[in-house]
Amino acid sequence: MTFSEAISSGFRNYVGFSGRASRSEFWYWILFNVLVSIALSIIDLALVSGNTTVLSSIWSLATFLPSLAVGIRRLHDTDRSGWWWLISFIPLIGIIVLIVFWCSAGTPGSNRFGPDPLGGPQGTQY
């Protein structure tokens, strides 16, 4: 999946928590959010006096649900429930475990969450 396809998929599936997301879709979405957040923070600092971060706060609120959805779909690709997201509430260890899950290769072929987003053999479960 290309960078632009990942961004359009993230917004198209704004609150789509079902299905699977490939590693490229997930990491391109994260990269896009980080770049936009940095740009908006710079604009906030340049245009708005003080420590207010109006634009970056609005962006964070607008992309919270799609980011959560693509993270859960990424967990689905590794054949894990979206409830694993809650492990992030465990300080330090939780986010490390999630990053390992997000970096892991997805299940080849179909799994209980849907077909392989990379178009692998259908109907095969490992």
C-alpha atoms as a PDB file:
ATOM      1  CA  MET A   1       0.000   0.000   0.000  1.00  0.00           C
ATOM      2  CA  THR A   2       1.325   3.413  -0.922  1.00  0.00           C
ATOM      3  CA  PHE A   3       1.433   6.449   1.346  1.00  0.00           C
ATOM      4  CA  SER A   4      -1.581   8.130  -0.295  1.00  0.00           C
ATOM      5  CA  GLU A   5      -3.599   4.894  -0.335  1.00  0.00           C
ATOM      6  CA  ALA A   6      -2.945   4.441   3.384  1.00  0.00           C
ATOM      7  CA  ILE A   7      -4.113   7.975   4.161  1.00  0.00           C
ATOM      8  CA  SER A   8      -7.273   7.638   2.081  1.00  0.00           C
ATOM      9  CA  SER A   9      -7.959   4.238   3.647  1.00  0.00           C
ATOM     10  CA  GLY A  10      -7.562   5.710   7.130  1.00  0.00           C
ATOM     11  CA  PHE A  11     -10.101   8.440   6.429  1.00  0.00           C
ATOM     12  CA  ARG A  12     -12.402   6.179   4.395  1.00  0.00           C
ATOM     13  CA  ASN A  13     -12.573   3.711   7.314  1.00  0.00           C
ATOM     14  CA  TYR A  14     -12.904   6.552   9.837  1.00  0.00           C
ATOM     15  CA  VAL A  15     -14.500   4.367  12.505  1.00  0.00           C
ATOM     16  CA  GLY A  16     -14.160   0.998  10.777  1.00  0.00           C
ATOM     17  CA  PHE A  17     -12.914  -1.326  13.488  1.00  0.00           C
ATOM     18  CA  SER A  18     -13.527  -4.548  11.564  1.00  0.00           C
ATOM     19  CA  GLY A  19     -11.193  -6.066   9.033  1.00  0.00           C
ATOM     20  CA  ARG A  20      -7.432  -5.988   8.792  1.00  0.00           C
ATOM     21  CA  ALA A  21      -4.727  -3.396   8.086  1.00  0.00           C
ATOM     22  CA  SER A  22      -1.325  -4.200   6.639  1.00  0.00           C
ATOM     23  CA  ARG A  23       1.887  -2.973   8.228  1.00  0.00           C
ATOM     24  CA  SER A  24       2.390  -0.406   5.474  1.00  0.00           C
ATOM     25  CA  GLU A  25      -1.111   0.993   5.946  1.00  0.00           C
ATOM     26  CA  PHE A  26      -0.610   1.315   9.694  1.00  0.00           C
ATOM     27  CA  TRP A  27       2.891   2.833   9.630  1.00  0.00           C
ATOM     28  CA  TYR A  28       2.099   5.220   6.780  1.00  0.00           C
ATOM     29  CA  TRP A  29      -0.908   6.413   8.794  1.00  0.00           C
ATOM     30  CA  ILE A  30       1.312   6.953  11.850  1.00  0.00           C
ATOM     31  CA  LEU A  31       3.907   8.802   9.743  1.00  0.00           C
ATOM     32  CA  PHE A  32       1.195  11.035   8.244  1.00  0.00           C
ATOM     33  CA  ASN A  33      -0.188  11.892  11.679  1.00  0.00           C
ATOM     34  CA  VAL A  34       3.250  12.683  13.100  1.00  0.00           C
ATOM     35  CA  LEU A  35       4.165  14.924  10.148  1.00  0.00           C
ATOM     36  CA  VAL A  36       0.869  16.821  10.262  1.00  0.00           C
ATOM     37  CA  SER A  37       1.112  17.182  14.048  1.00  0.00           C
ATOM     38  CA  ILE A  38       4.622  18.626  13.784  1.00  0.00           C
ATOM     39  CA  ALA A  39       3.556  21.050  11.050  1.00  0.00           C
ATOM     40  CA  LEU A  40       0.508  22.184  13.028  1.00  0.00           C
ATOM     41  CA  SER A  41       2.576  22.613  16.188  1.00  0.00           C
ATOM     42  CA  ILE A  42       4.972  24.863  14.283  1.00  0.00           C
ATOM     43  CA  ILE A  43       2.052  26.869  12.900  1.00  0.00           C
ATOM     44  CA  ASP A  44       0.588  27.111  16.409  1.00  0.00           C
ATOM     45  CA  LEU A  45       3.861  28.461  17.753  1.00  0.00           C
ATOM     46  CA  ALA A  46       4.221  30.957  14.894  1.00  0.00           C
ATOM     47  CA  LEU A  47       0.663  32.281  14.772  1.00  0.00           C
ATOM     48  CA  VAL A  48      -0.722  31.903  18.264  1.00  0.00           C
ATOM     49  CA  SER A  49       1.018  33.610  21.143  1.00  0.00           C
ATOM     50  CA  GLY A  50       1.546  31.698  24.354  1.00  0.00           C
ATOM     51  CA  ASN A  51       1.470  27.975  24.911  1.00  0.00           C
ATOM     52  CA  THR A  52      -1.867  27.286  23.244  1.00  0.00           C
ATOM     53  CA  THR A  53      -1.904  24.542  20.668  1.00  0.00           C
ATOM     54  CA  VAL A  54      -5.297  25.037  19.066  1.00  0.00           C
ATOM     55  CA  LEU A  55      -4.623  23.572  15.614  1.00  0.00           C
ATOM     56  CA  SER A  56      -2.671  20.543  16.800  1.00  0.00           C
ATOM     57  CA  SER A  57      -5.315  19.828  19.459  1.00  0.00           C
ATOM     58  CA  ILE A  58      -8.092  19.947  16.861  1.00  0.00           C
ATOM     59  CA  TRP A  59      -6.047  17.630  14.618  1.00  0.00           C
ATOM     60  CA  SER A  60      -5.504  15.180  17.481  1.00  0.00           C
ATOM     61  CA  LEU A  61      -9.227  15.094  18.233  1.00  0.00           C
ATOM     62  CA  ALA A  62     -10.121  14.696  14.552  1.00  0.00           C
ATOM     63  CA  THR A  63      -7.753  11.762  14.043  1.00  0.00           C
ATOM     64  CA  PHE A  64      -8.228   9.991  17.365  1.00  0.00           C
ATOM     65  CA  LEU A  65     -10.912   7.559  16.166  1.00  0.00           C
ATOM     66  CA  PRO A  66      -9.287   6.742  12.801  1.00  0.00           C
ATOM     67  CA  SER A  67      -5.955   6.141  14.572  1.00  0.00           C
ATOM     68  CA  LEU A  68      -7.627   3.854  17.074  1.00  0.00           C
ATOM     69  CA  ALA A  69      -9.413   2.033  14.245  1.00  0.00           C
ATOM     70  CA  VAL A  70      -6.285   1.480  12.148  1.00  0.00           C
ATOM     71  CA  GLY A  71      -4.411   0.288  15.258  1.00  0.00           C
ATOM     72  CA  ILE A  72      -7.138  -2.224  16.024  1.00  0.00           C
ATOM     73  CA  ARG A  73      -7.268  -3.380  12.399  1.00  0.00           C
ATOM     74  CA  ARG A  74      -3.480  -3.852  12.572  1.00  0.00           C
ATOM     75  CA  LEU A  75      -3.933  -6.059  15.645  1.00  0.00           C
ATOM     76  CA  HIS A  76      -6.564  -7.991  13.706  1.00  0.00           C
ATOM     77  CA  ASP A  77      -4.011  -8.610  10.950  1.00  0.00           C
ATOM     78  CA  THR A  78      -1.807 -10.359  13.509  1.00  0.00           C
ATOM     79  CA  ASP A  79      -4.856 -12.419  14.593  1.00  0.00           C
ATOM     80  CA  ARG A  80      -5.230 -10.587  17.899  1.00  0.00           C
ATOM     81  CA  SER A  81      -8.352  -9.012  19.304  1.00  0.00           C
ATOM     82  CA  GLY A  82      -8.655  -5.235  19.368  1.00  0.00           C
ATOM     83  CA  TRP A  83      -8.957  -5.509  23.141  1.00  0.00           C
ATOM     84  CA  TRP A  84      -5.168  -5.882  23.199  1.00  0.00           C
ATOM     85  CA  TRP A  85      -5.132  -2.103  22.727  1.00  0.00           C
ATOM     86  CA  LEU A  86      -5.969  -1.805  26.434  1.00  0.00           C
ATOM     87  CA  ILE A  87      -2.519  -3.141  27.309  1.00  0.00           C
ATOM     88  CA  SER A  88      -1.246   0.353  26.489  1.00  0.00           C
ATOM     89  CA  PHE A  89      -2.533   1.459  29.905  1.00  0.00           C
ATOM     90  CA  ILE A  90       0.279  -0.518  31.542  1.00  0.00           C
ATOM     91  CA  PRO A  91       3.084   2.055  31.781  1.00  0.00           C
ATOM     92  CA  LEU A  92       6.025   1.511  29.418  1.00  0.00           C
ATOM     93  CA  ILE A  93       5.618  -2.259  29.024  1.00  0.00           C
ATOM     94  CA  GLY A  94       2.170  -1.974  27.456  1.00  0.00           C
ATOM     95  CA  ILE A  95       3.230   0.300  24.597  1.00  0.00           C
ATOM     96  CA  ILE A  96       6.336  -1.820  23.969  1.00  0.00           C
ATOM     97  CA  VAL A  97       4.170  -4.926  23.625  1.00  0.00           C
ATOM     98  CA  LEU A  98       1.822  -3.079  21.241  1.00  0.00           C
ATOM     99  CA  ILE A  99       4.728  -1.884  19.097  1.00  0.00           C
ATOM    100  CA  VAL A 100       6.012  -5.461  18.857  1.00  0.00           C
ATOM    101  CA  PHE A 101       2.531  -6.629  17.793  1.00  0.00           C
ATOM    102  CA  TRP A 102       2.222  -3.801  15.241  1.00  0.00           C
ATOM    103  CA  CYS A 103       5.662  -4.631  13.785  1.00  0.00           C
ATOM    104  CA  SER A 104       4.906  -8.343  13.505  1.00  0.00           C
ATOM    105  CA  ALA A 105       3.973  -9.833  10.161  1.00  0.00           C
ATOM    106  CA  GLY A 106       0.283 -10.406   9.622  1.00  0.00           C
ATOM    107  CA  THR A 107      -1.336 -13.793   9.405  1.00  0.00           C
ATOM    108  CA  PRO A 108      -0.911 -15.132   5.856  1.00  0.00           C
ATOM    109  CA  GLY A 109      -4.246 -15.820   4.193  1.00  0.00           C
ATOM    110  CA  SER A 110      -7.581 -15.336   5.872  1.00  0.00           C
ATOM    111  CA  ASN A 111      -8.008 -15.283   9.615  1.00  0.00           C
ATOM    112  CA  ARG A 112     -11.027 -14.789  11.878  1.00  0.00           C
ATOM    113  CA  PHE A 113     -11.007 -11.031  11.145  1.00  0.00           C
ATOM    114  CA  GLY A 114     -11.135 -11.236   7.368  1.00  0.00           C
ATOM    115  CA  PRO A 115      -9.092 -11.767   4.231  1.00  0.00           C
ATOM    116  CA  ASP A 116      -5.396 -10.972   3.959  1.00  0.00           C
ATOM    117  CA  PRO A 117      -4.977  -7.253   3.128  1.00  0.00           C
ATOM    118  CA  LEU A 118      -1.948  -8.185   1.021  1.00  0.00           C
ATOM    119  CA  GLY A 119      -4.046 -10.538  -1.099  1.00  0.00           C
ATOM    120  CA  GLY A 120      -2.541 -13.809   0.105  1.00  0.00           C
ATOM    121  CA  PRO A 121      -4.237 -17.184  -0.424  1.00  0.00           C
ATOM    122  CA  GLN A 122      -7.825 -17.108   0.762  1.00  0.00           C
ATOM    123  CA  GLY A 123      -9.309 -19.699   3.058  1.00  0.00           C
ATOM    124  CA  THR A 124      -5.960 -20.702   4.542  1.00  0.00           C
ATOM    125  CA  GLN A 125      -5.673 -20.343   8.288  1.00  0.00           C
ATOM    126  CA  TYR A 126      -2.402 -20.677  10.149  1.00  0.00           C
END
